């Protein structure tokens, strides 16, 4: 019977707080990613981390802006921006 390796409690606490994500890239994609990280003067992991976190903040800001625009349009009595089939009527800035 093979004995299980003993790890100190700090190892388990670290693993609990710092989750690992593994990604596989094709060679040409990895080379592009490596070049972008080098231009940003970051490691590949830091570059991916900052990109994902910035995207999340941008997405949250976009959702909030769209909500505020829709709320303001509803208060001001503007017509709907979308037809029944989901086609955009206008950008909402036109007076109809």
C-alpha atoms as a PDB file:
ATOM      1  CA  UNK A   1       0.000   0.000   0.000  1.00  0.00           C
ATOM      2  CA  UNK A   2       1.374   3.405  -1.028  1.00  0.00           C
ATOM      3  CA  UNK A   3       1.424   6.041   1.670  1.00  0.00           C
ATOM      4  CA  UNK A   4      -0.158   9.369   0.929  1.00  0.00           C
ATOM      5  CA  UNK A   5       2.220  12.340   1.027  1.00  0.00           C
ATOM      6  CA  UNK A   6       1.811  14.566   4.051  1.00  0.00           C
ATOM      7  CA  UNK A   7       1.332  18.292   3.423  1.00  0.00           C
ATOM      8  CA  UNK A   8       1.379  20.984   6.115  1.00  0.00           C
ATOM      9  CA  UNK A   9      -1.905  22.749   6.945  1.00  0.00           C
ATOM     10  CA  UNK A  10      -0.672  25.946   5.254  1.00  0.00           C
ATOM     11  CA  UNK A  11      -0.537  24.078   1.934  1.00  0.00           C
ATOM     12  CA  UNK A  12      -4.236  23.194   2.195  1.00  0.00           C
ATOM     13  CA  UNK A  13      -5.177  26.746   3.231  1.00  0.00           C
ATOM     14  CA  UNK A  14      -3.264  28.151   0.254  1.00  0.00           C
ATOM     15  CA  UNK A  15      -4.977  25.724  -2.144  1.00  0.00           C
ATOM     16  CA  UNK A  16      -8.350  26.644  -0.712  1.00  0.00           C
ATOM     17  CA  UNK A  17      -7.815  30.394  -1.243  1.00  0.00           C
ATOM     18  CA  UNK A  18      -5.890  30.210  -4.539  1.00  0.00           C
ATOM     19  CA  UNK A  19      -7.662  28.118  -7.138  1.00  0.00           C
ATOM     20  CA  UNK A  20      -5.734  26.848 -10.162  1.00  0.00           C
ATOM     21  CA  UNK A  21      -6.897  27.194 -13.753  1.00  0.00           C
ATOM     22  CA  UNK A  22      -5.205  25.260 -16.530  1.00  0.00           C
ATOM     23  CA  UNK A  23      -5.455  26.349 -20.168  1.00  0.00           C
ATOM     24  CA  UNK A  24      -3.958  24.772 -23.260  1.00  0.00           C
ATOM     25  CA  UNK A  25      -3.023  26.944 -26.230  1.00  0.00           C
ATOM     26  CA  UNK A  26      -1.903  26.100 -29.716  1.00  0.00           C
ATOM     27  CA  UNK A  27       1.725  27.027 -30.289  1.00  0.00           C
ATOM     28  CA  UNK A  28       0.957  30.045 -32.489  1.00  0.00           C
ATOM     29  CA  UNK A  29      -1.617  31.391 -29.998  1.00  0.00           C
ATOM     30  CA  UNK A  30       0.818  30.921 -27.127  1.00  0.00           C
ATOM     31  CA  UNK A  31       3.502  32.821 -29.020  1.00  0.00           C
ATOM     32  CA  UNK A  32       1.074  35.725 -29.588  1.00  0.00           C
ATOM     33  CA  UNK A  33       0.086  35.704 -25.917  1.00  0.00           C
ATOM     34  CA  UNK A  34       3.719  35.640 -24.863  1.00  0.00           C
ATOM     35  CA  UNK A  35       4.485  38.622 -27.124  1.00  0.00           C
ATOM     36  CA  UNK A  36       1.539  40.623 -25.723  1.00  0.00           C
ATOM     37  CA  UNK A  37       2.617  39.877 -22.150  1.00  0.00           C
ATOM     38  CA  UNK A  38       6.176  40.941 -22.961  1.00  0.00           C
ATOM     39  CA  UNK A  39       4.915  44.256 -24.397  1.00  0.00           C
ATOM     40  CA  UNK A  40       2.872  44.808 -21.230  1.00  0.00           C
ATOM     41  CA  UNK A  41       5.984  43.945 -19.172  1.00  0.00           C
ATOM     42  CA  UNK A  42       4.100  41.234 -17.255  1.00  0.00           C
ATOM     43  CA  UNK A  43       4.268  37.503 -16.873  1.00  0.00           C
ATOM     44  CA  UNK A  44       1.756  35.518 -18.905  1.00  0.00           C
ATOM     45  CA  UNK A  45      -0.245  34.658 -15.774  1.00  0.00           C
ATOM     46  CA  UNK A  46      -0.365  38.309 -14.646  1.00  0.00           C
ATOM     47  CA  UNK A  47      -1.332  39.431 -18.147  1.00  0.00           C
ATOM     48  CA  UNK A  48      -4.224  36.958 -18.337  1.00  0.00           C
ATOM     49  CA  UNK A  49      -5.326  37.795 -14.778  1.00  0.00           C
ATOM     50  CA  UNK A  50      -5.377  41.555 -15.438  1.00  0.00           C
ATOM     51  CA  UNK A  51      -7.152  41.077 -18.776  1.00  0.00           C
ATOM     52  CA  UNK A  52      -9.903  38.959 -17.248  1.00  0.00           C
ATOM     53  CA  UNK A  53     -10.398  41.286 -14.274  1.00  0.00           C
ATOM     54  CA  UNK A  54     -10.490  44.382 -16.525  1.00  0.00           C
ATOM     55  CA  UNK A  55     -13.032  42.661 -18.768  1.00  0.00           C
ATOM     56  CA  UNK A  56     -15.211  41.866 -15.755  1.00  0.00           C
ATOM     57  CA  UNK A  57     -15.148  45.509 -14.597  1.00  0.00           C
ATOM     58  CA  UNK A  58     -15.911  46.733 -18.118  1.00  0.00           C
ATOM     59  CA  UNK A  59     -18.804  44.280 -18.420  1.00  0.00           C
ATOM     60  CA  UNK A  60     -20.265  45.390 -15.082  1.00  0.00           C
ATOM     61  CA  UNK A  61     -19.996  49.052 -16.148  1.00  0.00           C
ATOM     62  CA  UNK A  62     -21.689  48.285 -19.476  1.00  0.00           C
ATOM     63  CA  UNK A  63     -24.545  46.440 -17.785  1.00  0.00           C
ATOM     64  CA  UNK A  64     -25.031  49.328 -15.363  1.00  0.00           C
ATOM     65  CA  UNK A  65     -24.996  51.898 -18.202  1.00  0.00           C
ATOM     66  CA  UNK A  66     -27.530  49.934 -20.257  1.00  0.00           C
ATOM     67  CA  UNK A  67     -29.769  49.613 -17.201  1.00  0.00           C
ATOM     68  CA  UNK A  68     -29.550  53.362 -16.534  1.00  0.00           C
ATOM     69  CA  UNK A  69     -30.326  54.222 -20.170  1.00  0.00           C
ATOM     70  CA  UNK A  70     -33.341  51.907 -20.213  1.00  0.00           C
ATOM     71  CA  UNK A  71     -34.585  53.266 -16.895  1.00  0.00           C
ATOM     72  CA  UNK A  72     -34.214  56.865 -18.082  1.00  0.00           C
ATOM     73  CA  UNK A  73     -36.015  56.043 -21.344  1.00  0.00           C
ATOM     74  CA  UNK A  74     -38.879  54.491 -19.404  1.00  0.00           C
ATOM     75  CA  UNK A  75     -39.168  57.530 -17.115  1.00  0.00           C
ATOM     76  CA  UNK A  76     -39.081  59.937 -20.075  1.00  0.00           C
ATOM     77  CA  UNK A  77     -41.663  57.927 -22.042  1.00  0.00           C
ATOM     78  CA  UNK A  78     -39.435  57.185 -25.041  1.00  0.00           C
ATOM     79  CA  UNK A  79     -40.548  54.384 -27.367  1.00  0.00           C
ATOM     80  CA  UNK A  80     -38.931  50.961 -27.124  1.00  0.00           C
ATOM     81  CA  UNK A  81     -35.601  50.546 -28.898  1.00  0.00           C
ATOM     82  CA  UNK A  82     -36.355  47.007 -30.014  1.00  0.00           C
ATOM     83  CA  UNK A  83     -39.064  45.663 -32.245  1.00  0.00           C
ATOM     84  CA  UNK A  84     -40.828  42.424 -31.422  1.00  0.00           C
ATOM     85  CA  UNK A  85     -38.227  40.326 -33.285  1.00  0.00           C
ATOM     86  CA  UNK A  86     -35.278  41.956 -31.469  1.00  0.00           C
ATOM     87  CA  UNK A  87     -34.129  44.310 -34.239  1.00  0.00           C
ATOM     88  CA  UNK A  88     -32.699  47.593 -32.979  1.00  0.00           C
ATOM     89  CA  UNK A  89     -34.839  50.557 -34.040  1.00  0.00           C
ATOM     90  CA  UNK A  90     -32.278  53.289 -33.338  1.00  0.00           C
ATOM     91  CA  UNK A  91     -29.627  54.264 -30.871  1.00  0.00           C
ATOM     92  CA  UNK A  92     -32.163  56.057 -28.690  1.00  0.00           C
ATOM     93  CA  UNK A  93     -30.812  59.539 -29.292  1.00  0.00           C
ATOM     94  CA  UNK A  94     -33.264  60.449 -32.067  1.00  0.00           C
ATOM     95  CA  UNK A  95     -36.395  62.387 -31.276  1.00  0.00           C
ATOM     96  CA  UNK A  96     -39.398  60.689 -32.849  1.00  0.00           C
END
